[in-house]
Amino acid sequence: MSSPHQSVPPAKSSHTSDEGSATGGSEAKVIRIPQTTYIGVVVLFFCVFFFFAGWPIGLWWLLLIPLAAVFWIERTHTKVSDAGLDLRTVFGKRHIDWDELKGVSIPKRGYVRAHLTDDSEVKLPAVGYDRLRALIDASEGRIPDLFAAAEEAEQQAYEERKAAEKAEQTDDTAD
């Protein structure tokens, strides 16, 4: 017996199309800085608060540092949509159309970088190596799957190595 508070969605809604949303395209995917970063803000607040408690009149401005960190976490993101990439940082924003994007690169440190057709480079806010899979999936094939290419190259190298070993074994048995 089901609860009167349970709701079962209808098999097909009359308000949405089969292709996706009512606008005809898929929804934009927003890639943000992980929410666990707020733990660091809490630690920062306690570190700053002890100094503030010692001299509140002179060190009140220290409490602005954790607020600035929260502002940075909330504001910084990359939005992936059918129109392109919308990049938002603390002090600015930028839109990149899909036809302007040539590829992406993964630096040793920092955010993933987008290479544009005019040979310039742009950092993708909140997209590190750990969030690259979300970016590739949200792009719906517009950004090539780097992980699949690497797996394919590994598989091909493995098959070539096996073929070379097999050829070496047949050469040894022929001698």
N, C-alpha and C. Protein backbone atom coordinates (compact mmCIF):
# COMPACT_ATOMS: atom_id res chain seq x y z
N MET A 1 0.84 -1.18 0.00
CA MET A 1 0.00 0.00 0.00
C MET A 1 0.88 1.24 0.00
N SER A 2 0.60 2.17 -0.87
CA SER A 2 1.43 3.35 -0.99
C SER A 2 0.95 4.44 -0.05
N SER A 3 1.86 5.29 0.32
CA SER A 3 1.57 6.40 1.19
C SER A 3 0.81 7.48 0.42
N PRO A 4 -0.13 8.18 1.08
CA PRO A 4 -0.84 9.25 0.37
C PRO A 4 0.08 10.43 0.03
N HIS A 5 1.27 10.47 0.63
CA HIS A 5 2.20 11.56 0.36
C HIS A 5 3.16 11.26 -0.78
N GLN A 6 3.14 10.02 -1.26
CA GLN A 6 3.99 9.67 -2.39
C GLN A 6 3.37 10.21 -3.67
N SER A 7 4.21 10.66 -4.53
CA SER A 7 3.70 11.08 -5.83
C SER A 7 4.46 10.34 -6.90
N VAL A 8 3.74 9.90 -7.88
CA VAL A 8 4.33 9.18 -8.99
C VAL A 8 4.22 10.07 -10.21
N PRO A 9 5.34 10.37 -10.87
CA PRO A 9 5.26 11.24 -12.04
C PRO A 9 4.55 10.52 -13.18
N PRO A 10 3.87 11.28 -14.03
CA PRO A 10 3.19 10.65 -15.16
C PRO A 10 4.21 10.08 -16.13
N ALA A 11 3.78 9.10 -16.91
CA ALA A 11 4.67 8.47 -17.86
C ALA A 11 5.17 9.46 -18.90
N LYS A 12 4.32 10.36 -19.34
CA LYS A 12 4.70 11.39 -20.30
C LYS A 12 3.95 12.67 -19.95
N SER A 13 4.68 13.75 -19.87
CA SER A 13 4.07 15.02 -19.53
C SER A 13 3.60 15.72 -20.80
N SER A 14 2.51 16.39 -20.71
CA SER A 14 1.99 17.13 -21.85
C SER A 14 2.63 18.51 -21.98
N HIS A 15 3.47 18.87 -21.01
CA HIS A 15 4.06 20.21 -21.01
C HIS A 15 5.47 20.26 -21.58
N THR A 16 6.10 19.12 -21.80
CA THR A 16 7.45 19.12 -22.34
C THR A 16 7.50 18.29 -23.61
N SER A 17 8.45 18.65 -24.45
CA SER A 17 8.61 17.89 -25.69
C SER A 17 9.53 16.70 -25.46
N ASP A 18 9.58 15.81 -26.41
CA ASP A 18 10.44 14.64 -26.30
C ASP A 18 11.90 14.99 -26.43
N GLU A 19 12.23 16.09 -27.13
CA GLU A 19 13.61 16.45 -27.40
C GLU A 19 14.32 17.03 -26.19
N GLY A 20 13.63 17.61 -25.26
CA GLY A 20 14.30 18.24 -24.12
C GLY A 20 13.40 19.27 -23.49
N SER A 21 13.90 20.45 -23.30
CA SER A 21 13.13 21.50 -22.64
C SER A 21 12.19 22.16 -23.62
N ALA A 22 11.37 23.06 -23.11
CA ALA A 22 10.37 23.72 -23.93
C ALA A 22 11.00 24.65 -24.97
N THR A 23 12.23 25.05 -24.76
CA THR A 23 12.90 25.93 -25.71
C THR A 23 13.51 25.17 -26.87
N GLY A 24 13.50 23.87 -26.80
CA GLY A 24 13.99 23.07 -27.90
C GLY A 24 15.41 22.58 -27.71
N GLY A 25 16.17 23.12 -26.76
CA GLY A 25 17.54 22.70 -26.53
C GLY A 25 17.69 22.09 -25.16
N SER A 26 18.87 21.64 -24.87
CA SER A 26 19.12 21.09 -23.55
C SER A 26 19.47 22.22 -22.58
N GLU A 27 19.34 21.93 -21.31
CA GLU A 27 19.63 22.94 -20.30
C GLU A 27 21.12 23.16 -20.19
N ALA A 28 21.49 24.34 -19.73
CA ALA A 28 22.90 24.67 -19.55
C ALA A 28 23.42 23.96 -18.30
N LYS A 29 24.64 23.51 -18.37
CA LYS A 29 25.30 22.85 -17.25
C LYS A 29 26.27 23.85 -16.64
N VAL A 30 26.17 24.06 -15.34
CA VAL A 30 27.02 25.01 -14.65
C VAL A 30 28.05 24.23 -13.84
N ILE A 31 29.30 24.55 -14.07
CA ILE A 31 30.40 23.91 -13.33
C ILE A 31 30.92 24.94 -12.34
N ARG A 32 30.79 24.62 -11.06
CA ARG A 32 31.16 25.54 -9.99
C ARG A 32 32.34 25.01 -9.19
N ILE A 33 32.89 25.86 -8.35
CA ILE A 33 33.90 25.44 -7.39
C ILE A 33 33.21 24.52 -6.39
N PRO A 34 33.83 23.41 -6.00
CA PRO A 34 33.17 22.45 -5.10
C PRO A 34 32.72 23.09 -3.80
N GLN A 35 31.59 22.63 -3.30
CA GLN A 35 31.02 23.18 -2.08
C GLN A 35 31.87 22.87 -0.85
N THR A 36 32.74 21.87 -0.93
CA THR A 36 33.61 21.57 0.21
C THR A 36 34.62 22.68 0.47
N THR A 37 34.73 23.61 -0.44
CA THR A 37 35.63 24.75 -0.25
C THR A 37 35.16 25.61 0.92
N TYR A 38 33.89 25.53 1.23
CA TYR A 38 33.37 26.31 2.37
C TYR A 38 33.99 25.87 3.69
N ILE A 39 34.48 24.65 3.76
CA ILE A 39 35.18 24.20 4.98
C ILE A 39 36.42 25.07 5.19
N GLY A 40 37.13 25.34 4.13
CA GLY A 40 38.30 26.22 4.21
C GLY A 40 37.92 27.63 4.64
N VAL A 41 36.75 28.09 4.19
CA VAL A 41 36.30 29.43 4.58
C VAL A 41 36.01 29.47 6.08
N VAL A 42 35.43 28.41 6.61
CA VAL A 42 35.14 28.36 8.05
C VAL A 42 36.45 28.38 8.84
N VAL A 43 37.44 27.60 8.40
CA VAL A 43 38.74 27.60 9.07
C VAL A 43 39.37 28.99 8.98
N LEU A 44 39.29 29.62 7.83
CA LEU A 44 39.82 30.97 7.65
C LEU A 44 39.12 31.95 8.58
N PHE A 45 37.81 31.82 8.72
CA PHE A 45 37.06 32.70 9.60
C PHE A 45 37.55 32.58 11.04
N PHE A 46 37.73 31.34 11.52
CA PHE A 46 38.19 31.17 12.90
C PHE A 46 39.61 31.71 13.09
N CYS A 47 40.47 31.55 12.10
CA CYS A 47 41.83 32.10 12.20
C CYS A 47 41.79 33.62 12.29
N VAL A 48 40.96 34.23 11.49
CA VAL A 48 40.85 35.69 11.47
C VAL A 48 40.12 36.20 12.71
N PHE A 49 39.15 35.44 13.18
CA PHE A 49 38.33 35.89 14.30
C PHE A 49 39.15 36.08 15.58
N PHE A 50 40.13 35.23 15.81
CA PHE A 50 40.93 35.37 17.03
C PHE A 50 41.71 36.69 17.04
N PHE A 51 42.21 37.09 15.91
CA PHE A 51 42.88 38.40 15.84
C PHE A 51 41.87 39.53 16.02
N PHE A 52 40.70 39.39 15.40
CA PHE A 52 39.65 40.40 15.53
C PHE A 52 39.21 40.54 16.99
N ALA A 53 39.08 39.41 17.68
CA ALA A 53 38.64 39.45 19.09
C ALA A 53 39.67 40.16 19.96
N GLY A 54 40.92 40.14 19.57
CA GLY A 54 41.96 40.82 20.36
C GLY A 54 41.90 42.34 20.25
N TRP A 55 41.54 42.85 19.08
CA TRP A 55 41.48 44.31 18.88
C TRP A 55 40.41 44.60 17.84
N PRO A 56 39.13 44.55 18.23
CA PRO A 56 38.02 44.68 17.26
C PRO A 56 38.00 46.01 16.52
N ILE A 57 38.37 47.10 17.18
CA ILE A 57 38.29 48.41 16.54
C ILE A 57 39.33 48.52 15.41
N GLY A 58 40.50 47.96 15.60
CA GLY A 58 41.56 48.08 14.62
C GLY A 58 41.58 46.98 13.57
N LEU A 59 41.04 45.82 13.90
CA LEU A 59 41.14 44.68 12.99
C LEU A 59 39.80 44.19 12.46
N TRP A 60 38.80 45.04 12.46
CA TRP A 60 37.48 44.64 11.94
C TRP A 60 37.55 44.25 10.47
N TRP A 61 38.48 44.84 9.73
CA TRP A 61 38.59 44.60 8.30
C TRP A 61 39.04 43.17 7.98
N LEU A 62 39.63 42.47 8.96
CA LEU A 62 40.03 41.09 8.73
C LEU A 62 38.83 40.18 8.45
N LEU A 63 37.67 40.55 8.98
CA LEU A 63 36.46 39.74 8.76
C LEU A 63 35.99 39.83 7.30
N LEU A 64 36.52 40.79 6.55
CA LEU A 64 36.16 40.89 5.14
C LEU A 64 36.83 39.81 4.29
N ILE A 65 37.92 39.24 4.79
CA ILE A 65 38.65 38.22 4.02
C ILE A 65 37.78 36.96 3.81
N PRO A 66 37.18 36.38 4.86
CA PRO A 66 36.30 35.23 4.60
C PRO A 66 35.09 35.59 3.74
N LEU A 67 34.58 36.81 3.87
CA LEU A 67 33.46 37.23 3.02
C LEU A 67 33.88 37.30 1.56
N ALA A 68 35.09 37.79 1.32
CA ALA A 68 35.60 37.83 -0.05
C ALA A 68 35.77 36.42 -0.61
N ALA A 69 36.19 35.48 0.24
CA ALA A 69 36.34 34.09 -0.20
C ALA A 69 34.98 33.49 -0.58
N VAL A 70 33.96 33.77 0.21
CA VAL A 70 32.60 33.29 -0.12
C VAL A 70 32.12 33.90 -1.42
N PHE A 71 32.37 35.18 -1.60
CA PHE A 71 31.98 35.86 -2.84
C PHE A 71 32.67 35.22 -4.04
N TRP A 72 33.97 34.89 -3.90
CA TRP A 72 34.71 34.24 -4.97
C TRP A 72 34.14 32.85 -5.29
N ILE A 73 33.82 32.08 -4.26
CA ILE A 73 33.27 30.74 -4.47
C ILE A 73 31.93 30.81 -5.20
N GLU A 74 31.08 31.72 -4.78
CA GLU A 74 29.74 31.82 -5.36
C GLU A 74 29.75 32.37 -6.78
N ARG A 75 30.64 33.26 -7.07
CA ARG A 75 30.63 33.95 -8.36
C ARG A 75 31.36 33.20 -9.47
N THR A 76 32.41 32.48 -9.14
CA THR A 76 33.25 31.83 -10.14
C THR A 76 32.59 30.56 -10.66
N HIS A 77 32.33 30.52 -11.97
CA HIS A 77 31.77 29.31 -12.59
C HIS A 77 31.93 29.36 -14.10
N THR A 78 31.73 28.21 -14.71
CA THR A 78 31.71 28.07 -16.16
C THR A 78 30.37 27.44 -16.53
N LYS A 79 29.64 28.09 -17.42
CA LYS A 79 28.35 27.58 -17.85
C LYS A 79 28.48 27.07 -19.28
N VAL A 80 28.08 25.82 -19.50
CA VAL A 80 28.15 25.19 -20.81
C VAL A 80 26.72 25.08 -21.34
N SER A 81 26.48 25.69 -22.52
CA SER A 81 25.14 25.66 -23.11
C SER A 81 25.26 25.43 -24.61
N ASP A 82 24.14 25.38 -25.28
CA ASP A 82 24.13 25.21 -26.73
C ASP A 82 24.76 26.41 -27.43
N ALA A 83 24.72 27.58 -26.79
CA ALA A 83 25.28 28.80 -27.39
C ALA A 83 26.80 28.86 -27.26
N GLY A 84 27.37 28.16 -26.28
CA GLY A 84 28.81 28.19 -26.07
C GLY A 84 29.15 28.13 -24.60
N LEU A 85 30.26 28.71 -24.25
CA LEU A 85 30.74 28.74 -22.87
C LEU A 85 30.58 30.14 -22.31
N ASP A 86 29.99 30.24 -21.13
CA ASP A 86 29.90 31.51 -20.41
C ASP A 86 30.81 31.41 -19.20
N LEU A 87 31.85 32.22 -19.18
CA LEU A 87 32.85 32.19 -18.12
C LEU A 87 32.58 33.36 -17.17
N ARG A 88 32.54 33.07 -15.87
CA ARG A 88 32.28 34.12 -14.89
C ARG A 88 33.36 34.07 -13.83
N THR A 89 34.03 35.20 -13.62
CA THR A 89 35.01 35.34 -12.55
C THR A 89 34.51 36.41 -11.59
N VAL A 90 35.29 36.73 -10.59
CA VAL A 90 34.86 37.72 -9.60
C VAL A 90 34.64 39.07 -10.25
N PHE A 91 35.52 39.48 -11.14
CA PHE A 91 35.45 40.82 -11.69
C PHE A 91 35.01 40.89 -13.15
N GLY A 92 34.67 39.79 -13.76
CA GLY A 92 34.30 39.86 -15.16
C GLY A 92 33.58 38.63 -15.65
N LYS A 93 33.16 38.71 -16.90
CA LYS A 93 32.52 37.58 -17.55
C LYS A 93 32.86 37.62 -19.03
N ARG A 94 32.75 36.45 -19.66
CA ARG A 94 33.07 36.35 -21.07
C ARG A 94 32.26 35.22 -21.68
N HIS A 95 31.85 35.42 -22.92
CA HIS A 95 31.14 34.38 -23.66
C HIS A 95 32.02 33.90 -24.81
N ILE A 96 32.10 32.60 -24.98
CA ILE A 96 32.85 32.00 -26.08
C ILE A 96 31.90 31.12 -26.87
N ASP A 97 31.72 31.44 -28.14
CA ASP A 97 30.89 30.60 -29.01
C ASP A 97 31.64 29.31 -29.32
N TRP A 98 30.88 28.28 -29.68
CA TRP A 98 31.51 27.00 -29.98
C TRP A 98 32.42 27.07 -31.20
N ASP A 99 32.08 27.93 -32.17
CA ASP A 99 32.93 28.00 -33.36
C ASP A 99 34.24 28.75 -33.09
N GLU A 100 34.35 29.45 -31.96
CA GLU A 100 35.60 30.11 -31.57
C GLU A 100 36.55 29.15 -30.86
N LEU A 101 36.04 28.03 -30.37
CA LEU A 101 36.82 27.10 -29.57
C LEU A 101 37.57 26.12 -30.45
N LYS A 102 38.89 26.07 -30.28
CA LYS A 102 39.72 25.15 -31.05
C LYS A 102 40.01 23.88 -30.25
N GLY A 103 40.17 24.00 -28.93
CA GLY A 103 40.46 22.84 -28.09
C GLY A 103 40.71 23.27 -26.66
N VAL A 104 41.04 22.30 -25.82
CA VAL A 104 41.33 22.57 -24.42
C VAL A 104 42.67 21.93 -24.07
N SER A 105 43.33 22.48 -23.05
CA SER A 105 44.57 21.90 -22.56
C SER A 105 44.50 21.82 -21.04
N ILE A 106 45.28 20.91 -20.52
CA ILE A 106 45.30 20.68 -19.07
C ILE A 106 46.68 21.06 -18.55
N PRO A 107 46.78 22.19 -17.84
CA PRO A 107 48.08 22.57 -17.29
C PRO A 107 48.39 21.75 -16.04
N LYS A 108 49.65 21.81 -15.60
CA LYS A 108 50.02 21.08 -14.38
C LYS A 108 49.27 21.63 -13.16
N ARG A 109 49.10 22.94 -13.13
CA ARG A 109 48.39 23.58 -12.01
C ARG A 109 47.37 24.55 -12.58
N GLY A 110 46.33 24.77 -11.82
CA GLY A 110 45.34 25.77 -12.22
C GLY A 110 44.19 25.19 -13.01
N TYR A 111 43.45 26.08 -13.61
CA TYR A 111 42.24 25.71 -14.34
C TYR A 111 42.58 25.23 -15.75
N VAL A 112 41.67 24.44 -16.30
CA VAL A 112 41.80 24.00 -17.69
C VAL A 112 41.74 25.23 -18.58
N ARG A 113 42.47 25.20 -19.66
CA ARG A 113 42.52 26.35 -20.58
C ARG A 113 41.86 26.00 -21.90
N ALA A 114 41.12 26.97 -22.43
CA ALA A 114 40.50 26.82 -23.74
C ALA A 114 41.36 27.54 -24.76
N HIS A 115 41.65 26.85 -25.86
CA HIS A 115 42.40 27.46 -26.96
C HIS A 115 41.40 27.93 -28.00
N LEU A 116 41.52 29.20 -28.38
CA LEU A 116 40.57 29.80 -29.31
C LEU A 116 41.15 29.85 -30.72
N THR A 117 40.28 30.10 -31.69
CA THR A 117 40.71 30.12 -33.09
C THR A 117 41.66 31.28 -33.39
N ASP A 118 41.65 32.34 -32.58
CA ASP A 118 42.58 33.46 -32.80
C ASP A 118 43.91 33.23 -32.09
N ASP A 119 44.21 31.99 -31.75
CA ASP A 119 45.46 31.56 -31.09
C ASP A 119 45.66 32.17 -29.71
N SER A 120 44.57 32.53 -29.04
CA SER A 120 44.67 32.99 -27.66
C SER A 120 44.22 31.87 -26.73
N GLU A 121 44.48 32.06 -25.45
CA GLU A 121 44.17 31.08 -24.43
C GLU A 121 43.32 31.72 -23.35
N VAL A 122 42.32 31.00 -22.86
CA VAL A 122 41.45 31.52 -21.82
C VAL A 122 41.31 30.44 -20.74
N LYS A 123 41.46 30.85 -19.47
CA LYS A 123 41.23 29.92 -18.38
C LYS A 123 39.73 29.69 -18.23
N LEU A 124 39.35 28.45 -17.98
CA LEU A 124 37.96 28.13 -17.72
C LEU A 124 37.75 28.08 -16.21
N PRO A 125 37.11 29.09 -15.64
CA PRO A 125 36.96 29.16 -14.19
C PRO A 125 36.24 27.93 -13.63
N ALA A 126 36.74 27.41 -12.53
CA ALA A 126 36.16 26.29 -11.79
C ALA A 126 36.30 24.96 -12.52
N VAL A 127 37.01 24.90 -13.62
CA VAL A 127 37.19 23.64 -14.35
C VAL A 127 38.65 23.23 -14.19
N GLY A 128 38.89 22.37 -13.22
CA GLY A 128 40.20 21.75 -13.05
C GLY A 128 40.19 20.38 -13.68
N TYR A 129 41.26 19.64 -13.48
CA TYR A 129 41.34 18.30 -14.06
C TYR A 129 40.21 17.41 -13.54
N ASP A 130 39.87 17.59 -12.26
CA ASP A 130 38.82 16.77 -11.67
C ASP A 130 37.43 17.09 -12.23
N ARG A 131 37.23 18.24 -12.83
CA ARG A 131 35.92 18.63 -13.38
C ARG A 131 35.90 18.56 -14.90
N LEU A 132 36.98 18.08 -15.51
CA LEU A 132 37.08 18.03 -16.96
C LEU A 132 36.05 17.08 -17.56
N ARG A 133 35.79 15.97 -16.91
CA ARG A 133 34.78 15.02 -17.41
C ARG A 133 33.40 15.69 -17.49
N ALA A 134 33.05 16.49 -16.50
CA ALA A 134 31.76 17.20 -16.53
C ALA A 134 31.70 18.18 -17.69
N LEU A 135 32.82 18.85 -17.98
CA LEU A 135 32.86 19.78 -19.10
C LEU A 135 32.68 19.05 -20.43
N ILE A 136 33.37 17.94 -20.59
CA ILE A 136 33.28 17.17 -21.83
C ILE A 136 31.87 16.63 -22.03
N ASP A 137 31.28 16.11 -20.97
CA ASP A 137 29.91 15.58 -21.07
C ASP A 137 28.90 16.68 -21.37
N ALA A 138 29.07 17.84 -20.74
CA ALA A 138 28.13 18.94 -20.95
C ALA A 138 28.24 19.54 -22.34
N SER A 139 29.41 19.41 -22.97
CA SER A 139 29.60 19.99 -24.29
C SER A 139 28.89 19.19 -25.39
N GLU A 140 28.44 18.00 -25.05
CA GLU A 140 27.70 17.13 -25.98
C GLU A 140 28.48 16.88 -27.27
N GLY A 141 29.77 16.55 -27.13
CA GLY A 141 30.59 16.20 -28.27
C GLY A 141 31.31 17.36 -28.93
N ARG A 142 31.07 18.58 -28.50
CA ARG A 142 31.76 19.72 -29.10
C ARG A 142 33.21 19.80 -28.65
N ILE A 143 33.49 19.30 -27.46
CA ILE A 143 34.87 19.17 -26.98
C ILE A 143 35.19 17.68 -27.04
N PRO A 144 36.26 17.30 -27.73
CA PRO A 144 36.57 15.87 -27.85
C PRO A 144 36.86 15.24 -26.49
N ASP A 145 36.46 13.99 -26.35
CA ASP A 145 36.66 13.26 -25.11
C ASP A 145 38.12 12.84 -25.00
N LEU A 146 38.89 13.56 -24.19
CA LEU A 146 40.31 13.30 -24.03
C LEU A 146 40.55 11.96 -23.36
N PHE A 147 39.65 11.57 -22.47
CA PHE A 147 39.83 10.31 -21.76
C PHE A 147 39.62 9.12 -22.69
N ALA A 148 38.64 9.21 -23.58
CA ALA A 148 38.39 8.13 -24.53
C ALA A 148 39.55 8.02 -25.51
N ALA A 149 40.11 9.15 -25.94
CA ALA A 149 41.26 9.12 -26.85
C ALA A 149 42.45 8.46 -26.19
N ALA A 150 42.68 8.74 -24.92
CA ALA A 150 43.80 8.13 -24.19
C ALA A 150 43.58 6.62 -24.03
N GLU A 151 42.34 6.22 -23.71
CA GLU A 151 42.05 4.80 -23.58
C GLU A 151 42.21 4.08 -24.92
N GLU A 152 41.78 4.74 -25.99
CA GLU A 152 41.91 4.16 -27.32
C GLU A 152 43.38 4.00 -27.70
N ALA A 153 44.21 4.98 -27.38
CA ALA A 153 45.64 4.90 -27.67
C ALA A 153 46.30 3.79 -26.85
N GLU A 154 45.89 3.64 -25.58
CA GLU A 154 46.42 2.57 -24.75
C GLU A 154 46.03 1.20 -25.30
N GLN A 155 44.77 1.08 -25.73
CA GLN A 155 44.29 -0.18 -26.30
C GLN A 155 45.05 -0.52 -27.57
N GLN A 156 45.28 0.46 -28.41
CA GLN A 156 46.01 0.24 -29.66
C GLN A 156 47.46 -0.16 -29.38
N ALA A 157 48.10 0.48 -28.41
CA ALA A 157 49.47 0.13 -28.05
C ALA A 157 49.53 -1.29 -27.48
N TYR A 158 48.53 -1.65 -26.70
CA TYR A 158 48.46 -3.01 -26.15
C TYR A 158 48.32 -4.04 -27.26
N GLU A 159 47.45 -3.76 -28.22
CA GLU A 159 47.25 -4.70 -29.34
C GLU A 159 48.52 -4.81 -30.19
N GLU A 160 49.20 -3.69 -30.42
CA GLU A 160 50.45 -3.73 -31.18
C GLU A 160 51.53 -4.52 -30.45
N ARG A 161 51.58 -4.36 -29.12
CA ARG A 161 52.55 -5.08 -28.32
C ARG A 161 52.27 -6.59 -28.36
N LYS A 162 51.00 -6.96 -28.27
CA LYS A 162 50.61 -8.38 -28.34
C LYS A 162 50.95 -8.95 -29.72
N ALA A 163 50.69 -8.19 -30.77
CA ALA A 163 50.99 -8.66 -32.13
C ALA A 163 52.50 -8.83 -32.30
N ALA A 164 53.29 -7.91 -31.74
CA ALA A 164 54.74 -8.03 -31.83
C ALA A 164 55.24 -9.24 -31.06
N GLU A 165 54.65 -9.49 -29.88
CA GLU A 165 55.04 -10.67 -29.09
C GLU A 165 54.68 -11.95 -29.83
N LYS A 166 53.51 -11.96 -30.45
CA LYS A 166 53.06 -13.14 -31.19
C LYS A 166 53.97 -13.38 -32.40
N ALA A 167 54.35 -12.30 -33.09
CA ALA A 167 55.25 -12.43 -34.24
C ALA A 167 56.62 -12.91 -33.78
N GLU A 168 57.07 -12.46 -32.62
CA GLU A 168 58.36 -12.88 -32.08
C GLU A 168 58.33 -14.35 -31.71
N GLN A 169 57.20 -14.81 -31.15
CA GLN A 169 57.07 -16.23 -30.78
C GLN A 169 57.05 -17.11 -32.02
N THR A 170 56.38 -16.67 -33.08
CA THR A 170 56.35 -17.48 -34.32
C THR A 170 57.71 -17.50 -34.98
N ASP A 171 58.49 -16.41 -34.85
CA ASP A 171 59.85 -16.40 -35.38
C ASP A 171 60.74 -17.36 -34.60
N ASP A 172 60.56 -17.41 -33.28
CA ASP A 172 61.36 -18.30 -32.45
C ASP A 172 61.05 -19.77 -32.74
N THR A 173 59.79 -20.09 -32.98
CA THR A 173 59.40 -21.48 -33.25
C THR A 173 59.83 -21.88 -34.66
N ALA A 174 59.94 -20.93 -35.57
CA ALA A 174 60.36 -21.24 -36.94
C ALA A 174 61.85 -21.55 -37.01
N ASP A 175 62.64 -21.00 -36.09
CA ASP A 175 64.09 -21.22 -36.10
C ASP A 175 64.40 -22.55 -35.55
